[in-house]
Amino acid sequence: MNLPSATQVIVFYILCEQVTSMSKPVSYVTMDERTNLLYMLVGEETEIIVDREGGWQFL
């Protein structure tokens, strides 16, 4: 089981705080153990990934 990096967790927390402040629910969260990417589904269609270095992008 791979754990997210500290930077990944901090960026993930900031993103969660930002999307929930816009009244968007975080519907699903998982970590892909093959790529070490954190995956977040916001609402029903917005997907965000966070890499180990803290970089993030919409899918």
Protein backbone atom coordinates (compact mmCIF):
# COMPACT_ATOMS: atom_id res chain seq x y z
CA MET A 1 0.00 0.00 0.00
CA ASN A 2 1.47 3.33 -1.10
CA LEU A 3 0.79 6.42 0.96
CA PRO A 4 0.51 9.90 -0.54
CA SER A 5 3.45 12.27 -0.06
CA ALA A 6 3.17 15.12 2.43
CA THR A 7 3.08 17.63 -0.44
CA GLN A 8 0.31 15.66 -2.14
CA VAL A 9 -1.78 15.67 1.03
CA ILE A 10 -1.35 19.43 1.55
CA VAL A 11 -2.32 20.27 -2.06
CA PHE A 12 -5.21 17.81 -1.89
CA TYR A 13 -6.49 19.47 1.31
CA ILE A 14 -6.27 22.95 -0.24
CA LEU A 15 -8.17 21.78 -3.34
CA CYS A 16 -10.87 20.14 -1.19
CA GLU A 17 -11.26 23.35 0.78
CA GLN A 18 -11.55 25.41 -2.40
CA VAL A 19 -14.14 23.21 -4.12
CA THR A 20 -16.29 22.81 -1.02
CA SER A 21 -16.27 26.58 -0.47
CA MET A 22 -17.96 26.79 -3.89
CA SER A 23 -20.66 24.40 -2.62
CA LYS A 24 -19.34 21.51 -4.72
CA PRO A 25 -19.20 18.11 -3.03
CA VAL A 26 -16.14 15.89 -3.19
CA SER A 27 -17.87 12.72 -4.37
CA TYR A 28 -15.01 10.23 -4.62
CA VAL A 29 -11.34 10.04 -3.62
CA THR A 30 -8.79 7.32 -4.35
CA MET A 31 -5.09 6.81 -4.94
CA ASP A 32 -3.82 4.93 -7.98
CA GLU A 33 -1.05 2.75 -6.56
CA ARG A 34 0.46 2.18 -10.02
CA THR A 35 1.01 5.88 -10.75
CA ASN A 36 0.88 7.31 -7.18
CA LEU A 37 -1.71 9.87 -8.29
CA LEU A 38 -4.49 11.07 -6.00
CA TYR A 39 -7.80 11.20 -7.85
CA MET A 40 -10.72 13.38 -6.80
CA LEU A 41 -14.20 13.47 -8.33
CA VAL A 42 -15.90 16.79 -7.63
CA GLY A 43 -19.65 16.71 -8.04
CA GLU A 44 -20.62 14.36 -10.84
CA GLU A 45 -18.20 15.33 -13.60
CA THR A 46 -15.12 17.32 -12.54
CA GLU A 47 -12.04 15.14 -12.14
CA ILE A 48 -8.78 16.32 -10.57
CA ILE A 49 -5.51 14.45 -10.09
CA VAL A 50 -2.63 15.41 -7.78
CA ASP A 51 0.87 14.04 -8.42
CA ARG A 52 3.50 13.28 -5.75
CA GLU A 53 5.20 16.67 -6.22
CA GLY A 54 1.93 18.55 -5.61
CA GLY A 55 1.17 19.40 -9.22
CA TRP A 56 -2.49 19.04 -10.11
CA GLN A 57 -4.67 19.16 -13.18
CA PHE A 58 -8.22 18.73 -14.37
CA LEU A 59 -8.91 15.64 -16.47
